[in-house]
Amino acid sequence: MISFAHGIMLPFSPHAAAQRGLAPGTSAFIVLGILGYIGWQQVPLKKKLGAKRWRMIHLILTILVVIIVIAHAVMDGTDFAWLR
């Protein structure tokens, strides 16, 4: 919910001029939505895929979201401006 509000409030931000991190932010939001869905559908997906495969998919998507969010923060975040 917070990531959704973050995306909605972006056009009203005084720091929205650059928007270099828009693509990574959007892709992270999409992968986070997929991650939330497979977490919500955990029981039927574990029956269909098996617990071990479901856990591996969930882990890979979680790592992917973390990497993309870090890239988004470094590319467009004001807290990491010193890295650019």
N, C-alpha and C. Protein backbone atom coordinates (compact mmCIF):
# COMPACT_ATOMS: atom_id res chain seq x y z
N MET A 1 0.81 -1.19 0.00
CA MET A 1 0.00 0.00 0.00
C MET A 1 0.86 1.25 0.00
N ILE A 2 1.95 1.23 0.74
CA ILE A 2 2.83 2.40 0.80
C ILE A 2 3.51 2.62 -0.54
N SER A 3 3.90 1.53 -1.23
CA SER A 3 4.54 1.71 -2.54
C SER A 3 3.54 2.27 -3.55
N PHE A 4 2.28 1.91 -3.44
CA PHE A 4 1.24 2.47 -4.31
C PHE A 4 1.08 3.96 -4.06
N ALA A 5 1.01 4.35 -2.80
CA ALA A 5 0.90 5.77 -2.45
C ALA A 5 2.13 6.54 -2.91
N HIS A 6 3.28 5.92 -2.81
CA HIS A 6 4.53 6.55 -3.25
C HIS A 6 4.46 6.85 -4.75
N GLY A 7 3.96 5.92 -5.55
CA GLY A 7 3.84 6.13 -6.99
C GLY A 7 2.79 7.16 -7.35
N ILE A 8 1.71 7.22 -6.59
CA ILE A 8 0.65 8.19 -6.85
C ILE A 8 1.11 9.61 -6.50
N MET A 9 1.89 9.75 -5.44
CA MET A 9 2.32 11.06 -4.99
C MET A 9 3.53 11.60 -5.77
N LEU A 10 4.12 10.79 -6.63
CA LEU A 10 5.31 11.20 -7.38
C LEU A 10 5.12 12.48 -8.19
N PRO A 11 4.03 12.65 -8.95
CA PRO A 11 3.91 13.88 -9.75
C PRO A 11 3.84 15.16 -8.91
N PHE A 12 3.48 15.04 -7.65
CA PHE A 12 3.36 16.21 -6.79
C PHE A 12 4.64 16.51 -6.00
N SER A 13 5.67 15.72 -6.22
CA SER A 13 6.92 15.88 -5.49
C SER A 13 7.79 16.95 -6.15
N PRO A 14 8.49 17.75 -5.36
CA PRO A 14 9.41 18.73 -5.96
C PRO A 14 10.63 18.07 -6.58
N HIS A 15 10.87 16.81 -6.27
CA HIS A 15 12.03 16.08 -6.80
C HIS A 15 11.66 15.24 -8.01
N ALA A 16 10.49 15.44 -8.59
CA ALA A 16 10.01 14.57 -9.66
C ALA A 16 10.54 14.96 -11.03
N ALA A 17 11.39 15.95 -11.12
CA ALA A 17 11.84 16.41 -12.43
C ALA A 17 12.71 15.37 -13.15
N ALA A 18 13.58 14.70 -12.44
CA ALA A 18 14.52 13.78 -13.08
C ALA A 18 13.83 12.49 -13.52
N GLN A 19 13.22 11.80 -12.61
CA GLN A 19 12.51 10.56 -12.84
C GLN A 19 13.35 9.51 -13.57
N ARG A 20 14.64 9.45 -13.27
CA ARG A 20 15.49 8.42 -13.86
C ARG A 20 15.11 7.05 -13.33
N GLY A 21 14.62 7.00 -12.11
CA GLY A 21 14.30 5.73 -11.49
C GLY A 21 12.87 5.28 -11.70
N LEU A 22 12.17 5.89 -12.66
CA LEU A 22 10.77 5.53 -12.88
C LEU A 22 10.62 4.10 -13.38
N ALA A 23 11.45 3.68 -14.33
CA ALA A 23 11.35 2.31 -14.86
C ALA A 23 11.66 1.25 -13.80
N PRO A 24 12.76 1.40 -13.03
CA PRO A 24 12.98 0.41 -11.98
C PRO A 24 11.90 0.44 -10.90
N GLY A 25 11.39 1.62 -10.59
CA GLY A 25 10.33 1.71 -9.58
C GLY A 25 9.06 1.02 -10.04
N THR A 26 8.70 1.22 -11.29
CA THR A 26 7.51 0.57 -11.84
C THR A 26 7.68 -0.93 -11.91
N SER A 27 8.85 -1.40 -12.36
CA SER A 27 9.07 -2.84 -12.45
C SER A 27 9.11 -3.47 -11.06
N ALA A 28 9.67 -2.77 -10.08
CA ALA A 28 9.66 -3.30 -8.71
C ALA A 28 8.25 -3.40 -8.18
N PHE A 29 7.41 -2.41 -8.50
CA PHE A 29 6.02 -2.44 -8.06
C PHE A 29 5.28 -3.62 -8.69
N ILE A 30 5.53 -3.91 -9.95
CA ILE A 30 4.89 -5.04 -10.63
C ILE A 30 5.34 -6.36 -10.02
N VAL A 31 6.64 -6.52 -9.82
CA VAL A 31 7.15 -7.76 -9.22
C VAL A 31 6.64 -7.91 -7.79
N LEU A 32 6.53 -6.80 -7.07
CA LEU A 32 5.99 -6.84 -5.71
C LEU A 32 4.52 -7.28 -5.73
N GLY A 33 3.78 -6.84 -6.72
CA GLY A 33 2.39 -7.30 -6.87
C GLY A 33 2.31 -8.78 -7.14
N ILE A 34 3.19 -9.29 -8.00
CA ILE A 34 3.23 -10.73 -8.27
C ILE A 34 3.60 -11.49 -7.01
N LEU A 35 4.57 -10.97 -6.29
CA LEU A 35 4.99 -11.58 -5.04
C LEU A 35 3.86 -11.62 -4.02
N GLY A 36 3.13 -10.54 -3.93
CA GLY A 36 1.97 -10.50 -3.03
C GLY A 36 0.90 -11.49 -3.43
N TYR A 37 0.68 -11.63 -4.74
CA TYR A 37 -0.34 -12.57 -5.22
C TYR A 37 0.06 -14.01 -4.91
N ILE A 38 1.32 -14.37 -5.16
CA ILE A 38 1.70 -15.75 -4.89
C ILE A 38 1.76 -16.03 -3.38
N GLY A 39 1.97 -14.99 -2.60
CA GLY A 39 1.89 -15.16 -1.14
C GLY A 39 0.45 -15.34 -0.69
N TRP A 40 -0.46 -14.60 -1.33
CA TRP A 40 -1.88 -14.70 -1.00
C TRP A 40 -2.44 -16.05 -1.42
N GLN A 41 -1.98 -16.57 -2.54
CA GLN A 41 -2.44 -17.86 -3.05
C GLN A 41 -1.47 -18.98 -2.67
N GLN A 42 -0.88 -18.86 -1.52
CA GLN A 42 0.16 -19.80 -1.08
C GLN A 42 -0.32 -21.24 -1.03
N VAL A 43 -1.45 -21.49 -0.41
CA VAL A 43 -1.92 -22.87 -0.22
C VAL A 43 -2.22 -23.55 -1.56
N PRO A 44 -3.02 -22.95 -2.46
CA PRO A 44 -3.26 -23.65 -3.73
C PRO A 44 -2.01 -23.78 -4.60
N LEU A 45 -1.13 -22.77 -4.55
CA LEU A 45 0.09 -22.86 -5.35
C LEU A 45 1.05 -23.91 -4.81
N LYS A 46 1.10 -24.06 -3.49
CA LYS A 46 1.95 -25.11 -2.93
C LYS A 46 1.45 -26.49 -3.31
N LYS A 47 0.14 -26.64 -3.40
CA LYS A 47 -0.42 -27.92 -3.82
C LYS A 47 -0.11 -28.18 -5.29
N LYS A 48 -0.18 -27.13 -6.09
CA LYS A 48 0.04 -27.28 -7.53
C LYS A 48 1.52 -27.42 -7.89
N LEU A 49 2.35 -26.57 -7.31
CA LEU A 49 3.78 -26.54 -7.65
C LEU A 49 4.66 -27.39 -6.73
N GLY A 50 4.20 -27.59 -5.53
CA GLY A 50 5.03 -28.23 -4.51
C GLY A 50 5.64 -27.15 -3.64
N ALA A 51 5.82 -27.48 -2.38
CA ALA A 51 6.30 -26.48 -1.41
C ALA A 51 7.70 -26.00 -1.73
N LYS A 52 8.56 -26.90 -2.16
CA LYS A 52 9.95 -26.53 -2.42
C LYS A 52 10.05 -25.57 -3.61
N ARG A 53 9.32 -25.84 -4.69
CA ARG A 53 9.34 -24.97 -5.86
C ARG A 53 8.70 -23.62 -5.55
N TRP A 54 7.58 -23.64 -4.80
CA TRP A 54 6.93 -22.38 -4.43
C TRP A 54 7.87 -21.51 -3.61
N ARG A 55 8.57 -22.12 -2.66
CA ARG A 55 9.50 -21.38 -1.80
C ARG A 55 10.64 -20.78 -2.62
N MET A 56 11.12 -21.54 -3.62
CA MET A 56 12.21 -21.05 -4.47
C MET A 56 11.75 -19.86 -5.32
N ILE A 57 10.55 -19.95 -5.89
CA ILE A 57 10.01 -18.84 -6.68
C ILE A 57 9.82 -17.61 -5.79
N HIS A 58 9.31 -17.81 -4.60
CA HIS A 58 9.08 -16.70 -3.67
C HIS A 58 10.41 -16.06 -3.28
N LEU A 59 11.43 -16.85 -3.02
CA LEU A 59 12.74 -16.33 -2.65
C LEU A 59 13.37 -15.54 -3.80
N ILE A 60 13.30 -16.08 -5.01
CA ILE A 60 13.88 -15.40 -6.16
C ILE A 60 13.19 -14.07 -6.42
N LEU A 61 11.86 -14.06 -6.34
CA LEU A 61 11.13 -12.81 -6.55
C LEU A 61 11.43 -11.79 -5.44
N THR A 62 11.59 -12.25 -4.21
CA THR A 62 11.92 -11.34 -3.11
C THR A 62 13.29 -10.71 -3.32
N ILE A 63 14.27 -11.51 -3.71
CA ILE A 63 15.61 -10.98 -3.97
C ILE A 63 15.57 -10.01 -5.15
N LEU A 64 14.80 -10.34 -6.18
CA LEU A 64 14.67 -9.47 -7.34
C LEU A 64 14.08 -8.12 -6.96
N VAL A 65 13.03 -8.12 -6.14
CA VAL A 65 12.41 -6.86 -5.70
C VAL A 65 13.41 -6.03 -4.91
N VAL A 66 14.16 -6.65 -4.03
CA VAL A 66 15.13 -5.90 -3.22
C VAL A 66 16.19 -5.26 -4.12
N ILE A 67 16.69 -5.99 -5.09
CA ILE A 67 17.71 -5.45 -6.00
C ILE A 67 17.15 -4.29 -6.83
N ILE A 68 15.94 -4.46 -7.34
CA ILE A 68 15.34 -3.40 -8.16
C ILE A 68 15.02 -2.17 -7.32
N VAL A 69 14.57 -2.36 -6.10
CA VAL A 69 14.27 -1.22 -5.23
C VAL A 69 15.55 -0.47 -4.87
N ILE A 70 16.64 -1.18 -4.65
CA ILE A 70 17.91 -0.52 -4.38
C ILE A 70 18.35 0.30 -5.59
N ALA A 71 18.20 -0.27 -6.80
CA ALA A 71 18.54 0.46 -8.02
C ALA A 71 17.66 1.70 -8.16
N HIS A 72 16.38 1.56 -7.84
CA HIS A 72 15.45 2.70 -7.90
C HIS A 72 15.87 3.79 -6.92
N ALA A 73 16.25 3.41 -5.73
CA ALA A 73 16.64 4.39 -4.71
C ALA A 73 17.94 5.10 -5.10
N VAL A 74 18.87 4.36 -5.66
CA VAL A 74 20.15 4.97 -6.04
C VAL A 74 19.97 5.88 -7.25
N MET A 75 19.12 5.47 -8.21
CA MET A 75 18.95 6.26 -9.43
C MET A 75 18.16 7.55 -9.21
N ASP A 76 17.18 7.53 -8.31
CA ASP A 76 16.29 8.67 -8.22
C ASP A 76 16.07 9.19 -6.80
N GLY A 77 16.58 8.49 -5.81
CA GLY A 77 16.34 8.91 -4.44
C GLY A 77 17.24 10.04 -4.00
N THR A 78 16.69 10.93 -3.20
CA THR A 78 17.47 12.06 -2.72
C THR A 78 18.47 11.64 -1.63
N ASP A 79 18.18 10.54 -0.94
CA ASP A 79 19.08 10.09 0.12
C ASP A 79 20.39 9.53 -0.44
N PHE A 80 20.36 9.06 -1.69
CA PHE A 80 21.54 8.45 -2.28
C PHE A 80 22.11 9.29 -3.41
N ALA A 81 21.84 10.58 -3.40
CA ALA A 81 22.34 11.47 -4.44
C ALA A 81 23.87 11.51 -4.48
N TRP A 82 24.51 11.28 -3.36
CA TRP A 82 25.96 11.31 -3.31
C TRP A 82 26.60 10.14 -4.07
N LEU A 83 25.81 9.09 -4.40
CA LEU A 83 26.34 7.96 -5.16
C LEU A 83 26.32 8.20 -6.67
N ARG A 84 25.55 9.19 -7.08
CA ARG A 84 25.46 9.44 -8.53
C ARG A 84 26.58 10.29 -9.02
